[in-house]
Amino acid sequence: MIWSDAGAFQKIEKASLSGNQRVTVVKTQLFHPYGIELDRGNKRIFWVDAGYERVESVNYNGSNRNILYQLYGLQPFGVVLVAPFMFFTDWKTNQELRKLDATTGKVLRSYGINGGKPMSIVAYDSTRQPPGI
């Protein structure tokens, strides 16, 4: 399992499902790492940081850290990956939902959803759903 901690000592950590083998993956340049998402195929962790106003990624082992997107005034909260796209929610701008190219960080589309503070985001992808009866 992999999680973010936005408490007094901000970090991104991982451990086995039993809680053993706990390892800190990222412990520097984090302020409010709220949303977190995994790219299982490429073994990367994506997260949004509302304090540093950016979207970042890193390999599972903590190497190859990359700032994917950064914008002054941004306050990202939730993130979801539907490769090759990434979507994240934003509390501060008039575009409360953004769609990025998950490799380059290029903004492909921004959506206004009539104000508010969208928090978590979940993507529905019919190819990921189990077959029905």
C-alpha atoms as a PDB file:
ATOM      1  CA  MET A   1       0.000   0.000   0.000  1.00  0.00           C
ATOM      2  CA  ILE A   2       1.071   3.574  -0.637  1.00  0.00           C
ATOM      3  CA  TRP A   3      -0.265   6.671   1.126  1.00  0.00           C
ATOM      4  CA  SER A   4       0.367  10.375   1.604  1.00  0.00           C
ATOM      5  CA  ASP A   5       0.684  12.090   4.980  1.00  0.00           C
ATOM      6  CA  ALA A   6      -0.117  15.822   5.073  1.00  0.00           C
ATOM      7  CA  GLY A   7       0.457  16.101   8.829  1.00  0.00           C
ATOM      8  CA  ALA A   8       3.301  17.752  10.728  1.00  0.00           C
ATOM      9  CA  PHE A   9       5.973  15.761   8.841  1.00  0.00           C
ATOM     10  CA  GLN A  10       4.667  15.506   5.285  1.00  0.00           C
ATOM     11  CA  LYS A  11       5.680  12.401   3.367  1.00  0.00           C
ATOM     12  CA  ILE A  12       4.625   9.678   0.988  1.00  0.00           C
ATOM     13  CA  GLU A  13       5.164   6.185   2.327  1.00  0.00           C
ATOM     14  CA  LYS A  14       4.673   2.576   1.329  1.00  0.00           C
ATOM     15  CA  ALA A  15       4.421  -0.729   3.168  1.00  0.00           C
ATOM     16  CA  SER A  16       3.269  -4.281   2.665  1.00  0.00           C
ATOM     17  CA  LEU A  17      -0.448  -4.880   3.214  1.00  0.00           C
ATOM     18  CA  SER A  18       0.363  -6.200   6.701  1.00  0.00           C
ATOM     19  CA  GLY A  19       1.997  -2.855   7.522  1.00  0.00           C
ATOM     20  CA  ASN A  20       5.493  -4.336   7.570  1.00  0.00           C
ATOM     21  CA  GLN A  21       8.451  -3.104   5.520  1.00  0.00           C
ATOM     22  CA  ARG A  22       7.392   0.529   5.909  1.00  0.00           C
ATOM     23  CA  VAL A  23       9.495   2.859   3.752  1.00  0.00           C
ATOM     24  CA  THR A  24       9.377   6.615   3.151  1.00  0.00           C
ATOM     25  CA  VAL A  25       9.334   7.223  -0.609  1.00  0.00           C
ATOM     26  CA  VAL A  26       9.212  11.067  -0.623  1.00  0.00           C
ATOM     27  CA  LYS A  27      10.030  13.288   2.363  1.00  0.00           C
ATOM     28  CA  THR A  28      11.221  16.590   0.907  1.00  0.00           C
ATOM     29  CA  GLN A  29       9.434  19.472  -0.810  1.00  0.00           C
ATOM     30  CA  LEU A  30       5.967  18.378   0.285  1.00  0.00           C
ATOM     31  CA  PHE A  31       3.458  20.743   1.867  1.00  0.00           C
ATOM     32  CA  HIS A  32      -0.091  19.391   1.444  1.00  0.00           C
ATOM     33  CA  PRO A  33       0.131  16.108  -0.499  1.00  0.00           C
ATOM     34  CA  TYR A  34      -3.607  15.422  -0.605  1.00  0.00           C
ATOM     35  CA  GLY A  35      -4.585  13.256  -3.566  1.00  0.00           C
ATOM     36  CA  ILE A  36      -2.520  10.233  -4.574  1.00  0.00           C
ATOM     37  CA  GLU A  37      -2.808   7.787  -7.466  1.00  0.00           C
ATOM     38  CA  LEU A  38      -0.765   4.880  -8.838  1.00  0.00           C
ATOM     39  CA  ASP A  39       0.294   4.062 -12.369  1.00  0.00           C
ATOM     40  CA  ARG A  40       0.715   0.335 -11.808  1.00  0.00           C
ATOM     41  CA  GLY A  41       1.963  -0.342 -15.341  1.00  0.00           C
ATOM     42  CA  ASN A  42       4.816   2.179 -15.143  1.00  0.00           C
ATOM     43  CA  LYS A  43       5.287   1.777 -11.362  1.00  0.00           C
ATOM     44  CA  ARG A  44       4.872   5.478 -10.633  1.00  0.00           C
ATOM     45  CA  ILE A  45       3.145   7.376  -7.848  1.00  0.00           C
ATOM     46  CA  PHE A  46       1.272  10.562  -8.773  1.00  0.00           C
ATOM     47  CA  TRP A  47       0.123  13.129  -6.233  1.00  0.00           C
ATOM     48  CA  VAL A  48      -1.242  16.648  -6.005  1.00  0.00           C
ATOM     49  CA  ASP A  49       0.207  19.130  -3.534  1.00  0.00           C
ATOM     50  CA  ALA A  50      -2.071  22.039  -2.636  1.00  0.00           C
ATOM     51  CA  GLY A  51       0.686  23.877  -0.783  1.00  0.00           C
ATOM     52  CA  TYR A  52       3.184  23.840  -3.640  1.00  0.00           C
ATOM     53  CA  GLU A  53       0.379  24.191  -6.227  1.00  0.00           C
ATOM     54  CA  ARG A  54       1.499  21.281  -8.386  1.00  0.00           C
ATOM     55  CA  VAL A  55       1.085  17.742  -9.661  1.00  0.00           C
ATOM     56  CA  GLU A  56       4.090  15.442  -9.312  1.00  0.00           C
ATOM     57  CA  SER A  57       5.173  11.869  -9.850  1.00  0.00           C
ATOM     58  CA  VAL A  58       7.960   9.563  -8.708  1.00  0.00           C
ATOM     59  CA  ASN A  59       8.939   5.932  -9.246  1.00  0.00           C
ATOM     60  CA  TYR A  60       7.823   3.452  -6.585  1.00  0.00           C
ATOM     61  CA  ASN A  61      11.356   3.474  -5.126  1.00  0.00           C
ATOM     62  CA  GLY A  62      11.458   7.302  -4.852  1.00  0.00           C
ATOM     63  CA  SER A  63      13.670   7.950  -7.868  1.00  0.00           C
ATOM     64  CA  ASN A  64      12.990  10.043 -10.961  1.00  0.00           C
ATOM     65  CA  ARG A  65      10.794  12.678  -9.304  1.00  0.00           C
ATOM     66  CA  ASN A  66       9.007  14.858 -11.842  1.00  0.00           C
ATOM     67  CA  ILE A  67       6.900  18.023 -11.558  1.00  0.00           C
ATOM     68  CA  LEU A  68       4.183  17.349 -14.093  1.00  0.00           C
ATOM     69  CA  TYR A  69       2.183  20.570 -13.723  1.00  0.00           C
ATOM     70  CA  GLN A  70       2.430  23.711 -11.603  1.00  0.00           C
ATOM     71  CA  LEU A  71       0.334  26.886 -11.568  1.00  0.00           C
ATOM     72  CA  TYR A  72       0.324  29.801  -9.143  1.00  0.00           C
ATOM     73  CA  GLY A  73      -3.061  29.970  -7.384  1.00  0.00           C
ATOM     74  CA  LEU A  74      -3.820  26.292  -7.927  1.00  0.00           C
ATOM     75  CA  GLN A  75      -5.142  24.243  -5.011  1.00  0.00           C
ATOM     76  CA  PRO A  76      -5.394  20.648  -6.228  1.00  0.00           C
ATOM     77  CA  PHE A  77      -7.090  18.074  -4.038  1.00  0.00           C
ATOM     78  CA  GLY A  78      -8.150  14.822  -5.744  1.00  0.00           C
ATOM     79  CA  VAL A  79      -6.439  12.970  -8.582  1.00  0.00           C
ATOM     80  CA  VAL A  80      -7.259   9.978 -10.762  1.00  0.00           C
ATOM     81  CA  LEU A  81      -5.342   8.333 -13.595  1.00  0.00           C
ATOM     82  CA  VAL A  82      -6.987   6.791 -16.638  1.00  0.00           C
ATOM     83  CA  ALA A  83      -3.895   6.311 -18.767  1.00  0.00           C
ATOM     84  CA  PRO A  84      -2.805   8.189 -20.741  1.00  0.00           C
ATOM     85  CA  PHE A  85      -4.827  10.908 -18.990  1.00  0.00           C
ATOM     86  CA  MET A  86      -4.806  12.338 -15.497  1.00  0.00           C
ATOM     87  CA  PHE A  87      -7.669  14.312 -13.973  1.00  0.00           C
ATOM     88  CA  PHE A  88      -7.457  16.425 -10.842  1.00  0.00           C
ATOM     89  CA  THR A  89      -9.783  18.639  -8.862  1.00  0.00           C
ATOM     90  CA  ASP A  90      -8.925  22.235  -7.958  1.00  0.00           C
ATOM     91  CA  TRP A  91     -10.439  24.342  -5.171  1.00  0.00           C
ATOM     92  CA  LYS A  92      -9.244  27.817  -6.150  1.00  0.00           C
ATOM     93  CA  THR A  93      -9.486  28.521  -9.862  1.00  0.00           C
ATOM     94  CA  ASN A  94     -12.585  28.773 -12.016  1.00  0.00           C
ATOM     95  CA  GLN A  95     -11.605  25.519 -13.708  1.00  0.00           C
ATOM     96  CA  GLU A  96     -12.348  23.048 -10.934  1.00  0.00           C
ATOM     97  CA  LEU A  97     -11.411  19.959 -12.958  1.00  0.00           C
ATOM     98  CA  ARG A  98      -8.426  19.589 -15.264  1.00  0.00           C
ATOM     99  CA  LYS A  99      -7.384  16.885 -17.695  1.00  0.00           C
ATOM    100  CA  LEU A 100      -3.648  16.422 -18.290  1.00  0.00           C
ATOM    101  CA  ASP A 101      -1.508  14.256 -20.486  1.00  0.00           C
ATOM    102  CA  ALA A 102      -0.059  12.015 -17.741  1.00  0.00           C
ATOM    103  CA  THR A 103       3.335  11.861 -19.441  1.00  0.00           C
ATOM    104  CA  THR A 104       3.973  15.472 -20.475  1.00  0.00           C
ATOM    105  CA  GLY A 105       1.751  17.371 -18.010  1.00  0.00           C
ATOM    106  CA  LYS A 106       0.174  19.314 -20.860  1.00  0.00           C
ATOM    107  CA  VAL A 107      -3.312  20.578 -19.999  1.00  0.00           C
ATOM    108  CA  LEU A 108      -5.681  18.994 -22.485  1.00  0.00           C
ATOM    109  CA  ARG A 109      -8.901  20.403 -21.091  1.00  0.00           C
ATOM    110  CA  SER A 110     -10.238  22.364 -18.151  1.00  0.00           C
ATOM    111  CA  TYR A 111     -13.768  22.135 -16.850  1.00  0.00           C
ATOM    112  CA  GLY A 112     -15.748  24.585 -14.756  1.00  0.00           C
ATOM    113  CA  ILE A 113     -18.374  22.848 -12.634  1.00  0.00           C
ATOM    114  CA  ASN A 114     -20.271  25.860 -11.308  1.00  0.00           C
ATOM    115  CA  GLY A 115     -18.135  26.636  -8.283  1.00  0.00           C
ATOM    116  CA  GLY A 116     -17.669  24.768  -5.063  1.00  0.00           C
ATOM    117  CA  LYS A 117     -14.736  22.746  -3.833  1.00  0.00           C
ATOM    118  CA  PRO A 118     -14.634  19.364  -5.552  1.00  0.00           C
ATOM    119  CA  MET A 119     -12.688  16.921  -3.437  1.00  0.00           C
ATOM    120  CA  SER A 120     -12.143  13.301  -4.412  1.00  0.00           C
ATOM    121  CA  ILE A 121     -12.507  12.092  -7.955  1.00  0.00           C
ATOM    122  CA  VAL A 122     -13.140   8.580  -9.246  1.00  0.00           C
ATOM    123  CA  ALA A 123     -13.120   7.604 -12.904  1.00  0.00           C
ATOM    124  CA  TYR A 124     -15.541   5.147 -14.410  1.00  0.00           C
ATOM    125  CA  ASP A 125     -13.946   3.144 -17.202  1.00  0.00           C
ATOM    126  CA  SER A 126     -16.088   0.342 -18.586  1.00  0.00           C
ATOM    127  CA  THR A 127     -12.996  -1.655 -19.581  1.00  0.00           C
ATOM    128  CA  ARG A 128     -12.058  -1.980 -15.889  1.00  0.00           C
ATOM    129  CA  GLN A 129     -15.441  -3.287 -14.786  1.00  0.00           C
ATOM    130  CA  PRO A 130     -16.149  -6.997 -14.256  1.00  0.00           C
ATOM    131  CA  PRO A 131     -18.558  -8.554 -16.722  1.00  0.00           C
ATOM    132  CA  GLY A 132     -22.190  -8.508 -15.625  1.00  0.00           C
ATOM    133  CA  ILE A 133     -24.628 -11.361 -15.475  1.00  0.00           C
END
